[in-house]
Amino acid sequence: MQVICCGSKPYENINFDALVDDCTNIVRHNMLLPNMGYGKKTATYQVINAHIHSFYNQKISQQEWFDIYCDEYGMTEEHIVNFLNYLRDEDPKLVHFPDNNSALMRGLLNRYEIDHPFRTQWFLLKNGLSFIAQVIAEGVKPYAVGYSLKEEELSKHVFNSKAHTKVNKEHRDDLECQLLIDLHNAGLVDASFCALEDSKDMKFNETIEPTQEALKLMEKYL
């Protein structure tokens, strides 16, 4: 496995630590940390959005982080402290893509003739898909894990309980779920693990057909 991009969908019955940690390049987004079900190792790339990138470079105070992300995004102070300590102590490679690689993703949809509204309707891609666009453009097929393929699952993501309502002022969750499905069906992303339901019997939902590669990895790691 060359690249695995981690979302933050919570699971009670499945842990992806072994799967993620055996990948060459581990990609986490924004404030997703090790030991949250998506690997224990330091991220190869920590992909951050525009406001986190800006606040980090401005070296705002810890209290300012609290004021912004606790009230507006529903994060806990403990999580923010852990995130700031992680950046200081583990020093992951921070990556930021202007406009979250929206133009690049639109170009990929045109190149591969994927019939998705994003080809003709402008909306800002969310940060979690920005690195996926980057590696597809570089000829790499990434694995995606912990992303929601159904819009109703997004409000449950683990550390930003209010973000679902807030970020949809600029993003389109319904279209992004379908976008990941379309990329999987086109063979550009392996999103099989995103279709796993939170059950001990490793059941896939009906959104996509899991790949044979993912099924073999599931037997080995899950």
Protein backbone atom coordinates (compact mmCIF):
# COMPACT_ATOMS: atom_id res chain seq x y z
CA MET A 1 0.00 0.00 0.00
CA GLN A 2 1.54 3.28 -1.10
CA VAL A 3 -0.93 5.89 0.13
CA ILE A 4 -3.81 5.70 2.58
CA CYS A 5 -5.95 8.78 3.23
CA CYS A 6 -7.77 8.78 6.55
CA GLY A 7 -11.13 10.33 7.32
CA SER A 8 -12.56 10.41 10.83
CA LYS A 9 -15.77 8.36 10.80
CA PRO A 10 -16.11 6.76 14.26
CA TYR A 11 -16.31 2.99 14.71
CA GLU A 12 -16.99 0.98 17.86
CA ASN A 13 -16.41 -2.46 16.35
CA ILE A 14 -13.59 -1.86 13.85
CA ASN A 15 -10.10 -0.49 14.34
CA PHE A 16 -7.93 0.42 11.34
CA ASP A 17 -4.63 0.91 13.21
CA ALA A 18 -2.83 -2.12 11.75
CA LEU A 19 -4.04 -1.40 8.23
CA VAL A 20 -3.02 2.25 8.33
CA ASP A 21 0.33 1.74 10.06
CA ASP A 22 1.52 -0.78 7.46
CA CYS A 23 1.05 1.74 4.66
CA THR A 24 4.04 3.58 3.18
CA ASN A 25 2.41 7.03 3.28
CA ILE A 26 -0.16 7.84 5.96
CA VAL A 27 -2.28 10.91 5.25
CA ARG A 28 -4.40 12.50 7.97
CA HIS A 29 -6.38 15.70 7.69
CA ASN A 30 -6.75 18.76 9.88
CA MET A 31 -6.82 17.70 13.55
CA LEU A 32 -7.10 13.94 13.17
CA LEU A 33 -4.43 12.43 15.43
CA PRO A 34 -2.75 9.06 15.98
CA ASN A 35 -4.54 6.64 18.31
CA MET A 36 -7.98 7.62 17.09
CA GLY A 37 -8.63 4.37 15.23
CA TYR A 38 -6.70 5.38 12.11
CA GLY A 39 -3.14 4.36 12.90
CA LYS A 40 -0.73 4.95 15.75
CA LYS A 41 2.22 6.23 13.72
CA THR A 42 2.96 9.87 12.98
CA ALA A 43 1.37 10.93 9.71
CA THR A 44 3.60 11.12 6.67
CA TYR A 45 1.49 14.13 5.65
CA GLN A 46 -0.86 16.16 7.83
CA VAL A 47 -3.05 17.98 5.32
CA ILE A 48 -4.52 21.14 6.83
CA ASN A 49 -7.12 23.53 5.50
CA ALA A 50 -6.78 27.27 4.97
CA HIS A 51 -7.79 28.47 8.44
CA ILE A 52 -5.70 25.95 10.39
CA HIS A 53 -2.77 26.73 8.09
CA SER A 54 -3.22 30.45 8.71
CA PHE A 55 -3.65 30.20 12.49
CA TYR A 56 -0.66 27.88 12.82
CA ASN A 57 1.58 30.26 10.86
CA GLN A 58 0.31 33.21 12.89
CA LYS A 59 1.23 31.33 16.08
CA ILE A 60 -2.06 32.22 17.74
CA SER A 61 -2.38 31.44 21.45
CA GLN A 62 -3.84 28.24 22.84
CA GLN A 63 -6.81 30.21 24.16
CA GLU A 64 -7.47 31.55 20.66
CA TRP A 65 -7.54 27.98 19.35
CA PHE A 66 -10.07 27.17 22.06
CA ASP A 67 -12.20 30.21 21.23
CA ILE A 68 -12.40 29.28 17.56
CA TYR A 69 -12.66 25.50 17.52
CA CYS A 70 -14.53 24.68 20.71
CA ASP A 71 -17.42 27.07 20.13
CA GLU A 72 -17.64 26.95 16.34
CA TYR A 73 -16.66 23.35 15.62
CA GLY A 74 -17.56 21.47 18.77
CA MET A 75 -14.04 20.26 19.58
CA THR A 76 -12.87 19.74 23.13
CA GLU A 77 -10.07 21.72 24.70
CA GLU A 78 -8.28 18.43 25.39
CA HIS A 79 -8.29 17.53 21.69
CA ILE A 80 -6.92 20.91 20.68
CA VAL A 81 -4.13 20.65 23.27
CA ASN A 82 -3.28 17.16 21.99
CA PHE A 83 -3.20 18.47 18.42
CA LEU A 84 -0.88 21.36 19.25
CA ASN A 85 1.39 19.06 21.25
CA TYR A 86 1.43 16.60 18.35
CA LEU A 87 2.57 19.29 15.93
CA ARG A 88 5.29 20.37 18.36
CA ASP A 89 6.52 16.95 19.44
CA GLU A 90 6.03 14.75 16.37
CA ASP A 91 6.58 17.43 13.72
CA PRO A 92 4.56 15.81 10.90
CA LYS A 93 4.98 17.27 7.42
CA LEU A 94 2.22 19.89 7.09
CA VAL A 95 0.65 20.24 3.67
CA HIS A 96 -1.86 22.82 2.50
CA PHE A 97 -3.46 23.04 -0.94
CA PRO A 98 -5.05 26.38 -1.94
CA ASP A 99 -8.81 25.96 -2.39
CA ASN A 100 -8.31 22.33 -1.31
CA ASN A 101 -7.27 21.36 -4.86
CA SER A 102 -10.76 22.08 -6.17
CA ALA A 103 -9.54 23.06 -9.63
CA LEU A 104 -7.33 19.98 -9.84
CA MET A 105 -10.22 17.69 -8.94
CA ARG A 106 -12.42 19.36 -11.53
CA GLY A 107 -9.72 18.79 -14.14
CA LEU A 108 -9.51 15.10 -13.19
CA LEU A 109 -13.24 14.67 -13.59
CA ASN A 110 -12.99 16.17 -17.05
CA ARG A 111 -9.93 14.10 -17.98
CA TYR A 112 -11.54 10.82 -16.97
CA GLU A 113 -15.00 11.88 -18.18
CA ILE A 114 -16.66 11.26 -14.84
CA ASP A 115 -20.21 12.61 -14.95
CA HIS A 116 -20.40 14.44 -11.63
CA PRO A 117 -21.96 17.89 -10.97
CA PHE A 118 -18.58 19.19 -9.80
CA ARG A 119 -17.47 19.21 -13.45
CA THR A 120 -19.76 22.14 -14.20
CA GLN A 121 -20.91 23.51 -10.81
CA TRP A 122 -18.40 25.36 -8.65
CA PHE A 123 -18.13 24.44 -5.02
CA LEU A 124 -15.15 24.29 -2.71
CA LEU A 125 -13.79 20.81 -2.21
CA LYS A 126 -13.38 19.84 1.44
CA ASN A 127 -9.87 19.37 2.74
CA GLY A 128 -10.25 15.60 3.09
CA LEU A 129 -10.36 15.12 -0.66
CA SER A 130 -7.52 17.50 -1.53
CA PHE A 131 -4.70 14.98 -1.17
CA ILE A 132 -6.74 12.35 -3.00
CA ALA A 133 -6.89 14.72 -5.98
CA GLN A 134 -3.14 15.31 -5.70
CA VAL A 135 -2.09 11.66 -5.81
CA ILE A 136 -4.55 10.73 -8.55
CA ALA A 137 -2.99 13.48 -10.67
CA GLU A 138 0.41 11.90 -9.93
CA GLY A 139 -0.76 8.51 -11.17
CA VAL A 140 -1.21 6.90 -7.74
CA LYS A 141 -4.38 5.11 -6.66
CA PRO A 142 -4.86 5.79 -2.94
CA TYR A 143 -6.85 3.85 -0.40
CA ALA A 144 -9.48 5.85 1.48
CA VAL A 145 -10.62 4.84 4.94
CA GLY A 146 -12.94 6.55 7.40
CA TYR A 147 -14.76 8.71 4.85
CA SER A 148 -18.54 8.80 4.76
CA LEU A 149 -20.29 7.60 1.64
CA LYS A 150 -23.68 8.66 2.98
CA GLU A 151 -24.41 12.27 3.88
CA GLU A 152 -26.26 11.37 7.07
CA GLU A 153 -23.07 9.85 8.54
CA LEU A 154 -21.05 13.06 8.39
CA SER A 155 -22.41 14.65 11.55
CA LYS A 156 -21.00 11.73 13.56
CA HIS A 157 -17.34 12.32 12.72
CA VAL A 158 -15.21 12.07 15.78
CA PHE A 159 -13.77 15.38 16.87
CA ASN A 160 -15.71 18.18 15.14
CA SER A 161 -19.33 17.64 16.07
CA LYS A 162 -20.57 21.05 14.86
CA ALA A 163 -18.51 21.21 11.68
CA HIS A 164 -21.11 19.41 9.56
CA THR A 165 -23.49 22.35 9.80
CA LYS A 166 -20.83 25.05 9.66
CA VAL A 167 -18.78 23.90 6.68
CA ASN A 168 -21.77 23.24 4.46
CA LYS A 169 -22.04 26.98 3.96
CA GLU A 170 -19.12 26.52 1.53
CA HIS A 171 -19.15 22.79 0.73
CA ARG A 172 -21.61 20.20 -0.54
CA ASP A 173 -21.56 17.04 1.54
CA ASP A 174 -24.11 15.26 -0.63
CA LEU A 175 -22.04 15.83 -3.77
CA GLU A 176 -18.77 14.91 -2.06
CA CYS A 177 -20.09 11.54 -0.90
CA GLN A 178 -21.13 10.81 -4.47
CA LEU A 179 -17.79 12.12 -5.74
CA LEU A 180 -15.85 9.55 -3.72
CA ILE A 181 -18.20 6.82 -4.95
CA ASP A 182 -17.66 7.93 -8.55
CA LEU A 183 -13.88 8.00 -8.12
CA HIS A 184 -13.99 4.49 -6.68
CA ASN A 185 -16.17 3.21 -9.52
CA ALA A 186 -13.76 4.76 -12.02
CA GLY A 187 -10.87 2.85 -10.44
CA LEU A 188 -9.05 6.00 -9.33
CA VAL A 189 -9.52 5.50 -5.56
CA ASP A 190 -10.09 2.38 -3.51
CA ALA A 191 -12.81 3.46 -1.09
CA SER A 192 -13.87 -0.09 -0.18
CA PHE A 193 -13.14 0.34 3.53
CA CYS A 194 -15.40 3.40 3.65
CA ALA A 195 -18.34 1.09 2.93
CA LEU A 196 -17.73 -1.08 6.00
CA GLU A 197 -20.57 -0.90 8.46
CA ASP A 198 -19.82 -0.61 12.16
CA SER A 199 -20.43 -4.28 12.96
CA LYS A 200 -18.32 -7.22 14.10
CA ASP A 201 -19.22 -9.29 11.04
CA MET A 202 -17.41 -6.91 8.63
CA LYS A 203 -20.46 -6.15 6.53
CA PHE A 204 -20.30 -3.74 3.59
CA ASN A 205 -23.15 -1.36 2.81
CA GLU A 206 -24.64 -1.07 -0.65
CA THR A 207 -22.90 2.14 -1.77
CA ILE A 208 -19.97 0.56 -3.62
CA GLU A 209 -18.55 -2.83 -4.59
CA PRO A 210 -15.40 -3.60 -2.57
CA THR A 211 -12.29 -4.43 -4.57
CA GLN A 212 -10.53 -7.78 -4.38
CA GLU A 213 -7.41 -5.97 -3.14
CA ALA A 214 -9.34 -4.48 -0.24
CA LEU A 215 -10.94 -7.81 0.63
CA LYS A 216 -7.48 -9.41 0.89
CA LEU A 217 -6.24 -6.56 3.08
CA MET A 218 -9.32 -6.89 5.28
CA GLU A 219 -8.52 -10.55 5.90
CA LYS A 220 -4.95 -9.65 6.84
CA TYR A 221 -5.50 -6.59 9.02
CA LEU A 222 -9.10 -6.54 10.21
